[in-house]
Amino acid sequence: MKLLLAAGVMLLMGLAADAVAATRTDIGGPFQLTNQNGQRVTERSFGEPALLYFGFLTCPDICPTDLAKMARISRQLQQQQGIKVRPVFVTVDPERDTPDKLKVYVKYFASDFVGLTGSAQEIARITDAYHVYYKKAPYGDQPGQYMMDHSTILFLLDSQGRYLKHFGRGLDEKEIEKQVVTALADQEAGR
């Protein structure tokens, strides 16, 4: 009985946390970064909804997997729903991830993929705004070698660059597509 009660309490706590996360107003905000073409952009520069992800170019498996997933979601939304959603990748490793390197990297995933970088301060501002964790982690046996620990959350922004929703890494692509369509329709309806 105690186990069942504990499970029920945990379920309610989880539902309450989801409800709070879904209604948060402190996620996102204005930013200014540099895209893969060396141009300064803001959250409003895309003119269409965007899927925003934070990572780094030398990530061996998580980032490439998630970026490929973003590209597929964006492509499926365009083909099946007629909804254009721009995939956007923000580096958490501006020390190594230059616009030129981003330009080559993001093209592997989709021609409309945007890669963003900036100064360490600019990256800190946007990651703070989105509550994204990142940290250098020593790696390998050479001095100065490192990887980046970071959050793996996918954010949906509206056409004005405002936060609408976020998705955990384990969520199925079809479910994300469905939730993107719903979130954009709800916003359009003024909900």
N, C-alpha and C. Protein backbone atom coordinates (compact mmCIF):
# COMPACT_ATOMS: atom_id res chain seq x y z
N MET A 1 0.82 -1.19 0.00
CA MET A 1 0.00 0.00 0.00
C MET A 1 0.87 1.27 0.00
N LYS A 2 1.92 1.25 0.84
CA LYS A 2 2.82 2.41 0.90
C LYS A 2 3.49 2.64 -0.45
N LEU A 3 3.87 1.54 -1.13
CA LEU A 3 4.52 1.65 -2.44
C LEU A 3 3.56 2.26 -3.45
N LEU A 4 2.31 1.85 -3.44
CA LEU A 4 1.31 2.39 -4.35
C LEU A 4 1.07 3.87 -4.06
N LEU A 5 0.98 4.22 -2.79
CA LEU A 5 0.79 5.61 -2.40
C LEU A 5 1.98 6.47 -2.84
N ALA A 6 3.20 5.95 -2.62
CA ALA A 6 4.41 6.68 -3.04
C ALA A 6 4.42 6.87 -4.55
N ALA A 7 4.03 5.84 -5.29
CA ALA A 7 3.99 5.94 -6.76
C ALA A 7 2.97 6.99 -7.19
N GLY A 8 1.83 7.03 -6.51
CA GLY A 8 0.80 8.02 -6.82
C GLY A 8 1.28 9.44 -6.55
N VAL A 9 1.95 9.63 -5.43
CA VAL A 9 2.50 10.94 -5.10
C VAL A 9 3.54 11.37 -6.13
N MET A 10 4.41 10.45 -6.51
CA MET A 10 5.44 10.77 -7.51
C MET A 10 4.80 11.12 -8.84
N LEU A 11 3.75 10.42 -9.24
CA LEU A 11 3.05 10.72 -10.49
C LEU A 11 2.46 12.12 -10.43
N LEU A 12 1.80 12.46 -9.33
CA LEU A 12 1.22 13.79 -9.19
C LEU A 12 2.28 14.87 -9.20
N MET A 13 3.41 14.61 -8.56
CA MET A 13 4.51 15.59 -8.56
C MET A 13 5.03 15.78 -9.99
N GLY A 14 5.15 14.70 -10.73
CA GLY A 14 5.61 14.78 -12.11
C GLY A 14 4.65 15.56 -12.97
N LEU A 15 3.35 15.31 -12.80
CA LEU A 15 2.34 16.05 -13.56
C LEU A 15 2.36 17.52 -13.20
N ALA A 16 2.53 17.82 -11.92
CA ALA A 16 2.61 19.22 -11.49
C ALA A 16 3.83 19.90 -12.09
N ALA A 17 4.96 19.20 -12.11
CA ALA A 17 6.18 19.77 -12.70
C ALA A 17 5.98 20.03 -14.18
N ASP A 18 5.33 19.10 -14.90
CA ASP A 18 5.05 19.31 -16.32
C ASP A 18 4.15 20.51 -16.53
N ALA A 19 3.15 20.66 -15.67
CA ALA A 19 2.23 21.79 -15.80
C ALA A 19 2.96 23.11 -15.57
N VAL A 20 3.86 23.15 -14.59
CA VAL A 20 4.64 24.35 -14.33
C VAL A 20 5.55 24.65 -15.51
N ALA A 21 6.25 23.63 -16.01
CA ALA A 21 7.16 23.84 -17.14
C ALA A 21 6.40 24.33 -18.36
N ALA A 22 5.20 23.81 -18.57
CA ALA A 22 4.42 24.18 -19.74
C ALA A 22 3.93 25.62 -19.67
N THR A 23 3.87 26.20 -18.47
CA THR A 23 3.35 27.56 -18.33
C THR A 23 4.43 28.55 -17.91
N ARG A 24 5.68 28.16 -17.94
CA ARG A 24 6.76 29.05 -17.52
C ARG A 24 6.84 30.25 -18.45
N THR A 25 7.11 31.38 -17.89
CA THR A 25 7.29 32.58 -18.70
C THR A 25 8.72 33.10 -18.60
N ASP A 26 9.57 32.38 -17.88
CA ASP A 26 10.95 32.84 -17.69
C ASP A 26 11.94 32.09 -18.58
N ILE A 27 11.47 31.44 -19.63
CA ILE A 27 12.36 30.74 -20.55
C ILE A 27 12.49 31.57 -21.82
N GLY A 28 13.71 31.71 -22.28
CA GLY A 28 13.96 32.42 -23.53
C GLY A 28 14.12 33.91 -23.32
N GLY A 29 14.17 34.61 -24.44
CA GLY A 29 14.32 36.06 -24.40
C GLY A 29 15.21 36.53 -25.53
N PRO A 30 15.44 37.81 -25.58
CA PRO A 30 16.23 38.38 -26.66
C PRO A 30 17.67 37.86 -26.63
N PHE A 31 18.23 37.69 -27.82
CA PHE A 31 19.64 37.34 -27.94
C PHE A 31 20.19 37.93 -29.22
N GLN A 32 21.50 38.07 -29.26
CA GLN A 32 22.21 38.49 -30.46
C GLN A 32 23.43 37.61 -30.58
N LEU A 33 23.51 36.86 -31.68
CA LEU A 33 24.62 35.94 -31.93
C LEU A 33 25.07 36.08 -33.37
N THR A 34 26.07 35.28 -33.74
CA THR A 34 26.61 35.31 -35.11
C THR A 34 26.28 33.99 -35.78
N ASN A 35 25.72 34.07 -37.00
CA ASN A 35 25.36 32.83 -37.70
C ASN A 35 26.55 32.28 -38.48
N GLN A 36 26.33 31.16 -39.15
CA GLN A 36 27.39 30.47 -39.87
C GLN A 36 27.94 31.28 -41.05
N ASN A 37 27.25 32.34 -41.44
CA ASN A 37 27.73 33.20 -42.52
C ASN A 37 28.43 34.45 -41.99
N GLY A 38 28.62 34.50 -40.67
CA GLY A 38 29.30 35.65 -40.06
C GLY A 38 28.39 36.84 -39.83
N GLN A 39 27.09 36.67 -40.01
CA GLN A 39 26.13 37.77 -39.84
C GLN A 39 25.57 37.76 -38.42
N ARG A 40 25.35 38.95 -37.88
CA ARG A 40 24.73 39.07 -36.57
C ARG A 40 23.23 38.84 -36.73
N VAL A 41 22.66 38.04 -35.86
CA VAL A 41 21.23 37.73 -35.89
C VAL A 41 20.67 37.84 -34.48
N THR A 42 19.35 37.98 -34.42
CA THR A 42 18.64 37.99 -33.15
C THR A 42 17.59 36.89 -33.18
N GLU A 43 16.85 36.77 -32.10
CA GLU A 43 15.79 35.78 -32.02
C GLU A 43 14.69 36.04 -33.06
N ARG A 44 14.61 37.26 -33.57
CA ARG A 44 13.57 37.62 -34.54
C ARG A 44 14.04 37.48 -36.00
N SER A 45 15.28 37.12 -36.20
CA SER A 45 15.85 37.10 -37.56
C SER A 45 15.31 36.01 -38.47
N PHE A 46 14.71 34.99 -37.92
CA PHE A 46 14.32 33.84 -38.74
C PHE A 46 12.98 34.04 -39.43
N GLY A 47 12.09 34.83 -38.83
CA GLY A 47 10.80 35.14 -39.45
C GLY A 47 9.85 33.97 -39.55
N GLU A 48 10.19 32.89 -38.89
CA GLU A 48 9.35 31.69 -38.87
C GLU A 48 9.62 30.95 -37.57
N PRO A 49 8.75 30.03 -37.21
CA PRO A 49 9.03 29.26 -35.99
C PRO A 49 10.37 28.54 -36.12
N ALA A 50 10.97 28.24 -34.98
CA ALA A 50 12.29 27.59 -34.99
C ALA A 50 12.34 26.51 -33.91
N LEU A 51 13.15 25.50 -34.21
CA LEU A 51 13.53 24.50 -33.22
C LEU A 51 14.96 24.83 -32.83
N LEU A 52 15.20 25.06 -31.57
CA LEU A 52 16.48 25.54 -31.06
C LEU A 52 17.12 24.47 -30.19
N TYR A 53 18.40 24.19 -30.46
CA TYR A 53 19.12 23.16 -29.71
C TYR A 53 20.52 23.67 -29.39
N PHE A 54 21.03 23.32 -28.21
CA PHE A 54 22.35 23.73 -27.77
C PHE A 54 23.28 22.52 -27.75
N GLY A 55 24.49 22.68 -28.28
CA GLY A 55 25.45 21.59 -28.30
C GLY A 55 26.82 22.09 -28.75
N PHE A 56 27.63 21.18 -29.29
CA PHE A 56 28.96 21.59 -29.76
C PHE A 56 29.40 20.67 -30.90
N LEU A 57 30.26 21.19 -31.76
CA LEU A 57 30.61 20.50 -33.01
C LEU A 57 31.37 19.20 -32.82
N THR A 58 32.20 19.11 -31.81
CA THR A 58 33.01 17.90 -31.66
C THR A 58 32.32 16.84 -30.79
N CYS A 59 31.07 17.03 -30.52
CA CYS A 59 30.29 16.03 -29.78
C CYS A 59 30.27 14.74 -30.61
N PRO A 60 30.66 13.62 -30.03
CA PRO A 60 30.80 12.40 -30.81
C PRO A 60 29.50 11.73 -31.24
N ASP A 61 28.42 11.86 -30.45
CA ASP A 61 27.21 11.13 -30.85
C ASP A 61 25.89 11.80 -30.49
N ILE A 62 25.76 12.39 -29.35
CA ILE A 62 24.48 12.96 -28.92
C ILE A 62 24.04 14.11 -29.83
N CYS A 63 24.89 15.10 -30.03
CA CYS A 63 24.52 16.26 -30.85
C CYS A 63 24.20 15.86 -32.29
N PRO A 64 25.05 15.08 -32.96
CA PRO A 64 24.70 14.72 -34.34
C PRO A 64 23.38 13.96 -34.43
N THR A 65 23.12 13.10 -33.47
CA THR A 65 21.85 12.35 -33.45
C THR A 65 20.68 13.31 -33.29
N ASP A 66 20.79 14.24 -32.35
CA ASP A 66 19.71 15.18 -32.10
C ASP A 66 19.52 16.17 -33.25
N LEU A 67 20.59 16.60 -33.88
CA LEU A 67 20.46 17.52 -35.02
C LEU A 67 19.83 16.83 -36.22
N ALA A 68 20.18 15.58 -36.44
CA ALA A 68 19.55 14.81 -37.53
C ALA A 68 18.05 14.66 -37.24
N LYS A 69 17.71 14.43 -35.99
CA LYS A 69 16.30 14.33 -35.59
C LYS A 69 15.58 15.65 -35.85
N MET A 70 16.21 16.78 -35.49
CA MET A 70 15.62 18.10 -35.74
C MET A 70 15.38 18.31 -37.23
N ALA A 71 16.34 17.94 -38.06
CA ALA A 71 16.21 18.11 -39.50
C ALA A 71 15.04 17.28 -40.03
N ARG A 72 14.90 16.05 -39.54
CA ARG A 72 13.78 15.20 -39.98
C ARG A 72 12.45 15.79 -39.55
N ILE A 73 12.37 16.27 -38.31
CA ILE A 73 11.13 16.87 -37.81
C ILE A 73 10.77 18.08 -38.67
N SER A 74 11.73 18.94 -38.93
CA SER A 74 11.49 20.13 -39.74
C SER A 74 11.01 19.75 -41.14
N ARG A 75 11.66 18.78 -41.73
CA ARG A 75 11.29 18.32 -43.08
C ARG A 75 9.88 17.72 -43.09
N GLN A 76 9.58 16.89 -42.10
CA GLN A 76 8.25 16.26 -42.02
C GLN A 76 7.15 17.30 -41.82
N LEU A 77 7.39 18.29 -40.96
CA LEU A 77 6.40 19.34 -40.75
C LEU A 77 6.12 20.10 -42.04
N GLN A 78 7.17 20.36 -42.80
CA GLN A 78 7.02 21.08 -44.07
C GLN A 78 6.26 20.22 -45.08
N GLN A 79 6.66 18.98 -45.23
CA GLN A 79 6.06 18.11 -46.24
C GLN A 79 4.65 17.68 -45.90
N GLN A 80 4.39 17.36 -44.64
CA GLN A 80 3.09 16.80 -44.27
C GLN A 80 2.08 17.83 -43.75
N GLN A 81 2.57 18.91 -43.17
CA GLN A 81 1.68 19.90 -42.58
C GLN A 81 1.75 21.27 -43.25
N GLY A 82 2.76 21.45 -44.10
CA GLY A 82 2.95 22.76 -44.73
C GLY A 82 3.45 23.81 -43.76
N ILE A 83 4.06 23.38 -42.67
CA ILE A 83 4.56 24.29 -41.64
C ILE A 83 6.08 24.35 -41.72
N LYS A 84 6.60 25.55 -41.94
CA LYS A 84 8.04 25.75 -42.00
C LYS A 84 8.56 26.05 -40.60
N VAL A 85 9.45 25.19 -40.12
CA VAL A 85 10.08 25.37 -38.81
C VAL A 85 11.59 25.28 -39.03
N ARG A 86 12.29 26.35 -38.72
CA ARG A 86 13.73 26.44 -38.96
C ARG A 86 14.52 25.72 -37.87
N PRO A 87 15.40 24.77 -38.23
CA PRO A 87 16.28 24.16 -37.22
C PRO A 87 17.46 25.09 -36.93
N VAL A 88 17.71 25.34 -35.65
CA VAL A 88 18.77 26.26 -35.23
C VAL A 88 19.62 25.58 -34.16
N PHE A 89 20.93 25.60 -34.38
CA PHE A 89 21.90 25.00 -33.47
C PHE A 89 22.75 26.10 -32.86
N VAL A 90 22.79 26.17 -31.53
CA VAL A 90 23.62 27.15 -30.82
C VAL A 90 24.76 26.40 -30.14
N THR A 91 25.98 26.79 -30.44
CA THR A 91 27.12 26.13 -29.80
C THR A 91 27.29 26.58 -28.36
N VAL A 92 27.71 25.65 -27.53
CA VAL A 92 28.09 25.98 -26.15
C VAL A 92 29.61 25.96 -26.03
N ASP A 93 30.28 25.89 -27.18
CA ASP A 93 31.74 25.86 -27.23
C ASP A 93 32.25 26.91 -28.22
N PRO A 94 32.00 28.20 -27.93
CA PRO A 94 32.38 29.24 -28.88
C PRO A 94 33.89 29.36 -29.08
N GLU A 95 34.65 28.83 -28.13
CA GLU A 95 36.11 28.86 -28.23
C GLU A 95 36.59 28.10 -29.48
N ARG A 96 35.93 27.00 -29.79
CA ARG A 96 36.33 26.17 -30.94
C ARG A 96 35.37 26.28 -32.13
N ASP A 97 34.11 26.58 -31.88
CA ASP A 97 33.09 26.53 -32.93
C ASP A 97 32.90 27.89 -33.60
N THR A 98 33.70 28.12 -34.62
CA THR A 98 33.66 29.38 -35.36
C THR A 98 32.54 29.34 -36.41
N PRO A 99 32.16 30.51 -36.95
CA PRO A 99 31.15 30.52 -38.02
C PRO A 99 31.55 29.62 -39.20
N ASP A 100 32.82 29.65 -39.61
CA ASP A 100 33.24 28.82 -40.75
C ASP A 100 33.06 27.33 -40.45
N LYS A 101 33.40 26.90 -39.25
CA LYS A 101 33.23 25.50 -38.88
C LYS A 101 31.74 25.14 -38.79
N LEU A 102 30.95 26.06 -38.24
CA LEU A 102 29.51 25.83 -38.16
C LEU A 102 28.89 25.69 -39.55
N LYS A 103 29.36 26.50 -40.49
CA LYS A 103 28.81 26.49 -41.85
C LYS A 103 28.96 25.10 -42.48
N VAL A 104 30.12 24.52 -42.33
CA VAL A 104 30.36 23.17 -42.88
C VAL A 104 29.52 22.14 -42.14
N TYR A 105 29.48 22.26 -40.82
CA TYR A 105 28.80 21.27 -39.98
C TYR A 105 27.30 21.22 -40.20
N VAL A 106 26.62 22.37 -40.15
CA VAL A 106 25.16 22.36 -40.22
C VAL A 106 24.64 21.92 -41.59
N LYS A 107 25.45 22.10 -42.64
CA LYS A 107 25.03 21.67 -43.99
C LYS A 107 24.85 20.17 -44.07
N TYR A 108 25.53 19.42 -43.20
CA TYR A 108 25.37 17.96 -43.19
C TYR A 108 23.95 17.56 -42.84
N PHE A 109 23.24 18.39 -42.11
CA PHE A 109 21.92 18.03 -41.62
C PHE A 109 20.79 18.54 -42.51
N ALA A 110 20.89 19.78 -42.97
CA ALA A 110 19.87 20.34 -43.86
C ALA A 110 20.37 21.68 -44.40
N SER A 111 19.94 22.02 -45.59
CA SER A 111 20.40 23.26 -46.22
C SER A 111 19.87 24.49 -45.49
N ASP A 112 18.75 24.36 -44.79
CA ASP A 112 18.18 25.52 -44.08
C ASP A 112 18.57 25.57 -42.61
N PHE A 113 19.45 24.68 -42.19
CA PHE A 113 19.90 24.65 -40.79
C PHE A 113 20.73 25.90 -40.52
N VAL A 114 20.51 26.50 -39.36
CA VAL A 114 21.27 27.69 -38.95
C VAL A 114 22.17 27.29 -37.79
N GLY A 115 23.43 27.69 -37.86
CA GLY A 115 24.37 27.50 -36.76
C GLY A 115 24.70 28.84 -36.14
N LEU A 116 24.69 28.93 -34.82
CA LEU A 116 24.95 30.19 -34.13
C LEU A 116 26.09 30.05 -33.12
N THR A 117 26.90 31.09 -33.06
CA THR A 117 27.97 31.18 -32.08
C THR A 117 28.05 32.64 -31.61
N GLY A 118 28.97 32.90 -30.74
CA GLY A 118 29.14 34.26 -30.23
C GLY A 118 30.28 34.27 -29.23
N SER A 119 30.39 35.36 -28.53
CA SER A 119 31.41 35.45 -27.48
C SER A 119 30.99 34.55 -26.33
N ALA A 120 31.91 34.27 -25.44
CA ALA A 120 31.59 33.47 -24.26
C ALA A 120 30.47 34.13 -23.46
N GLN A 121 30.47 35.45 -23.38
CA GLN A 121 29.44 36.17 -22.64
C GLN A 121 28.08 36.05 -23.33
N GLU A 122 28.06 36.13 -24.65
CA GLU A 122 26.79 36.00 -25.38
C GLU A 122 26.21 34.59 -25.22
N ILE A 123 27.08 33.59 -25.27
CA ILE A 123 26.61 32.21 -25.08
C ILE A 123 26.10 32.03 -23.65
N ALA A 124 26.78 32.61 -22.68
CA ALA A 124 26.32 32.53 -21.29
C ALA A 124 24.95 33.18 -21.14
N ARG A 125 24.72 34.31 -21.82
CA ARG A 125 23.43 35.00 -21.71
C ARG A 125 22.30 34.15 -22.28
N ILE A 126 22.51 33.56 -23.46
CA ILE A 126 21.42 32.79 -24.06
C ILE A 126 21.19 31.48 -23.30
N THR A 127 22.25 30.85 -22.84
CA THR A 127 22.05 29.61 -22.08
C THR A 127 21.37 29.91 -20.73
N ASP A 128 21.69 31.03 -20.13
CA ASP A 128 20.99 31.43 -18.90
C ASP A 128 19.51 31.67 -19.19
N ALA A 129 19.21 32.34 -20.30
CA ALA A 129 17.82 32.64 -20.65
C ALA A 129 17.01 31.37 -20.88
N TYR A 130 17.65 30.34 -21.43
CA TYR A 130 16.95 29.09 -21.71
C TYR A 130 17.18 28.02 -20.62
N HIS A 131 17.88 28.39 -19.57
CA HIS A 131 18.15 27.47 -18.46
C HIS A 131 18.87 26.21 -18.94
N VAL A 132 19.84 26.42 -19.82
CA VAL A 132 20.63 25.32 -20.38
C VAL A 132 21.93 25.20 -19.60
N TYR A 133 22.19 23.99 -19.15
CA TYR A 133 23.44 23.68 -18.44
C TYR A 133 24.52 23.36 -19.46
N TYR A 134 25.74 23.87 -19.23
CA TYR A 134 26.91 23.44 -20.01
C TYR A 134 28.16 23.69 -19.20
N LYS A 135 29.16 22.85 -19.43
CA LYS A 135 30.41 22.95 -18.68
C LYS A 135 31.50 22.19 -19.42
N LYS A 136 32.69 22.76 -19.43
CA LYS A 136 33.85 22.05 -19.98
C LYS A 136 34.17 20.86 -19.09
N ALA A 137 34.50 19.75 -19.73
CA ALA A 137 34.87 18.55 -18.98
C ALA A 137 36.18 18.00 -19.55
N PRO A 138 37.20 17.84 -18.72
CA PRO A 138 38.47 17.31 -19.23
C PRO A 138 38.24 15.99 -19.96
N TYR A 139 39.02 15.80 -21.02
CA TYR A 139 38.85 14.61 -21.84
C TYR A 139 40.19 14.23 -22.47
N GLY A 140 40.46 12.95 -22.52
CA GLY A 140 41.68 12.49 -23.17
C GLY A 140 42.91 12.67 -22.30
N ASP A 141 44.06 12.37 -22.90
CA ASP A 141 45.31 12.42 -22.14
C ASP A 141 46.20 13.60 -22.53
N GLN A 142 45.72 14.46 -23.43
CA GLN A 142 46.50 15.63 -23.84
C GLN A 142 46.05 16.86 -23.04
N PRO A 143 47.00 17.69 -22.63
CA PRO A 143 46.64 18.91 -21.91
C PRO A 143 45.73 19.79 -22.79
N GLY A 144 44.71 20.34 -22.18
CA GLY A 144 43.81 21.23 -22.90
C GLY A 144 42.68 20.53 -23.65
N GLN A 145 42.71 19.21 -23.73
CA GLN A 145 41.61 18.49 -24.39
C GLN A 145 40.38 18.52 -23.49
N TYR A 146 39.23 18.73 -24.10
CA TYR A 146 38.00 18.75 -23.32
C TYR A 146 36.79 18.41 -24.19
N MET A 147 35.75 18.02 -23.51
CA MET A 147 34.43 17.84 -24.10
C MET A 147 33.53 18.86 -23.41
N MET A 148 32.29 18.91 -23.84
CA MET A 148 31.34 19.80 -23.20
C MET A 148 30.17 18.98 -22.66
N ASP A 149 29.94 19.08 -21.37
CA ASP A 149 28.73 18.54 -20.77
C ASP A 149 27.64 19.57 -21.06
N HIS A 150 26.44 19.12 -21.43
CA HIS A 150 25.38 20.10 -21.68
C HIS A 150 24.00 19.46 -21.66
N SER A 151 22.99 20.30 -21.48
CA SER A 151 21.59 19.87 -21.53
C SER A 151 21.26 19.44 -22.95
N THR A 152 20.26 18.59 -23.08
CA THR A 152 19.84 18.12 -24.40
C THR A 152 18.34 18.35 -24.58
N ILE A 153 17.95 19.58 -24.48
CA ILE A 153 16.55 19.98 -24.61
C ILE A 153 16.35 20.66 -25.96
N LEU A 154 15.23 20.38 -26.58
CA LEU A 154 14.85 21.01 -27.85
C LEU A 154 13.77 22.03 -27.54
N PHE A 155 13.97 23.26 -28.00
CA PHE A 155 13.03 24.35 -27.72
C PHE A 155 12.29 24.75 -28.99
N LEU A 156 11.01 25.02 -28.86
CA LEU A 156 10.20 25.55 -29.96
C LEU A 156 10.00 27.03 -29.73
N LEU A 157 10.34 27.84 -30.73
CA LEU A 157 10.14 29.28 -30.69
C LEU A 157 9.12 29.66 -31.75
N ASP A 158 8.35 30.71 -31.50
CA ASP A 158 7.42 31.18 -32.52
C ASP A 158 8.14 32.05 -33.54
N SER A 159 7.41 32.60 -34.49
CA SER A 159 8.04 33.37 -35.57
C SER A 159 8.66 34.68 -35.10
N GLN A 160 8.35 35.09 -33.87
CA GLN A 160 8.96 36.29 -33.28
C GLN A 160 10.11 35.94 -32.35
N GLY A 161 10.46 34.65 -32.27
CA GLY A 161 11.57 34.22 -31.43
C GLY A 161 11.21 34.04 -29.97
N ARG A 162 9.91 33.95 -29.68
CA ARG A 162 9.46 33.75 -28.30
C ARG A 162 9.32 32.26 -28.01
N TYR A 163 9.73 31.89 -26.81
CA TYR A 163 9.62 30.50 -26.37
C TYR A 163 8.16 30.06 -26.32
N LEU A 164 7.89 28.87 -26.87
CA LEU A 164 6.55 28.28 -26.79
C LEU A 164 6.53 27.00 -25.96
N LYS A 165 7.54 26.14 -26.18
CA LYS A 165 7.49 24.80 -25.59
C LYS A 165 8.88 24.19 -25.67
N HIS A 166 9.11 23.17 -24.85
CA HIS A 166 10.37 22.44 -24.97
C HIS A 166 10.09 20.94 -24.91
N PHE A 167 11.03 20.17 -25.43
CA PHE A 167 10.88 18.73 -25.55
C PHE A 167 12.12 18.03 -25.02
N GLY A 168 11.90 16.98 -24.24
CA GLY A 168 13.01 16.18 -23.74
C GLY A 168 13.55 15.27 -24.84
N ARG A 169 14.77 14.84 -24.66
CA ARG A 169 15.47 14.05 -25.66
C ARG A 169 14.79 12.74 -25.98
N GLY A 170 14.12 12.14 -25.02
CA GLY A 170 13.52 10.82 -25.24
C GLY A 170 12.18 10.86 -25.96
N LEU A 171 11.65 12.04 -26.25
CA LEU A 171 10.35 12.14 -26.89
C LEU A 171 10.43 11.74 -28.36
N ASP A 172 9.50 10.92 -28.78
CA ASP A 172 9.41 10.42 -30.15
C ASP A 172 9.22 11.57 -31.16
N GLU A 173 9.83 11.44 -32.33
CA GLU A 173 9.73 12.48 -33.36
C GLU A 173 8.30 12.81 -33.73
N LYS A 174 7.47 11.79 -33.92
CA LYS A 174 6.07 12.01 -34.30
C LYS A 174 5.33 12.77 -33.21
N GLU A 175 5.64 12.48 -31.95
CA GLU A 175 5.00 13.20 -30.85
C GLU A 175 5.45 14.66 -30.83
N ILE A 176 6.73 14.90 -31.09
CA ILE A 176 7.21 16.29 -31.17
C ILE A 176 6.50 17.02 -32.30
N GLU A 177 6.41 16.39 -33.46
CA GLU A 177 5.72 17.01 -34.60
C GLU A 177 4.29 17.37 -34.22
N LYS A 178 3.59 16.45 -33.59
CA LYS A 178 2.20 16.68 -33.17
C LYS A 178 2.13 17.84 -32.20
N GLN A 179 3.05 17.88 -31.22
CA GLN A 179 3.03 18.96 -30.23
C GLN A 179 3.42 20.31 -30.84
N VAL A 180 4.30 20.31 -31.82
CA VAL A 180 4.65 21.55 -32.52
C VAL A 180 3.43 22.10 -33.24
N VAL A 181 2.73 21.25 -33.98
CA VAL A 181 1.52 21.67 -34.70
C VAL A 181 0.51 22.25 -33.72
N THR A 182 0.28 21.56 -32.61
CA THR A 182 -0.69 22.02 -31.61
C THR A 182 -0.26 23.35 -30.99
N ALA A 183 1.00 23.46 -30.61
CA ALA A 183 1.49 24.69 -29.97
C ALA A 183 1.39 25.89 -30.91
N LEU A 184 1.73 25.69 -32.18
CA LEU A 184 1.64 26.78 -33.15
C LEU A 184 0.19 27.15 -33.43
N ALA A 185 -0.69 26.15 -33.51
CA ALA A 185 -2.12 26.42 -33.73
C ALA A 185 -2.71 27.14 -32.53
N ASP A 186 -2.34 26.72 -31.32
CA ASP A 186 -2.83 27.38 -30.11
C ASP A 186 -2.38 28.83 -30.06
N GLN A 187 -1.13 29.06 -30.43
CA GLN A 187 -0.62 30.42 -30.42
C GLN A 187 -1.35 31.27 -31.46
N GLU A 188 -1.56 30.70 -32.62
CA GLU A 188 -2.27 31.42 -33.70
C GLU A 188 -3.69 31.77 -33.26
N ALA A 189 -4.30 30.88 -32.51
CA ALA A 189 -5.67 31.09 -32.03
C ALA A 189 -5.71 32.06 -30.83
N GLY A 190 -4.52 32.44 -30.34
CA GLY A 190 -4.46 33.40 -29.25
C GLY A 190 -4.62 32.81 -27.87
N ARG A 191 -4.36 31.51 -27.75
CA ARG A 191 -4.48 30.86 -26.45
C ARG A 191 -3.24 31.03 -25.62
